[in-house]
Amino acid sequence: MTPDTPNHYGTISRALHWNMAATIACMYLLALAWRVSGHTEILIPVHKALGTLLLILVFARILWAVAAEQRPRATSLAARLGHLALYFLMLTVPTIALIRDAAAGRDGSAENAATRFGDLWHSRAAWLLLLFIAGHILMTAIHQHRGEKILQRMAGRCAHPKNENTP
């Protein structure tokens, strides 16, 4: 297991990142599937469970990032703000759904301001999150194309993990 370094994400950061990515991808695919098929009774509970898993992973990733002494840092204000927006939305989208579900009551039939807010803003915030994810992927591709090897920090193997901490 490799630790985070100033130039490379370690095993735990990578596992959290790629598990969050897979969870988010599955959630969007499930949402698309129930919109197309109409089988909400089967797909929505799985979508909700994945939303809860995403919240856990995001909190774990934030705690891990705070605890990590050395880790790659964003090199620009735009990158920092983009990552901040991603984390904000990854917390906000499932939180809106949790508030809506709690307000709907045990049988899910209650109609009130919180359920209307959730119905209105959950999908809008999710679309905004998807837009930021697309921007994140696009910027990774642009930096990679410029030769900055940004993708290797999260996906590639660390060339010399023992020597990376030395100046």
Foldseek 3Di string as FASTA:
>chain_A
DFPAAQQAHDDVLLVLVVVLVVLLVVLVVLVVVCVVPVPCVPRVVVSLVSLVVLLVSLVVNVVCVVPRPHHHDDPDPVVVVLVVLLSVLSNVLSVLVVQLQVQCPDVNNDDDPSVVSSVPVNVVSSVVSVVSVVVVVVVVVVCVVVVVCPVCRNPNDDPDSVCRNPD
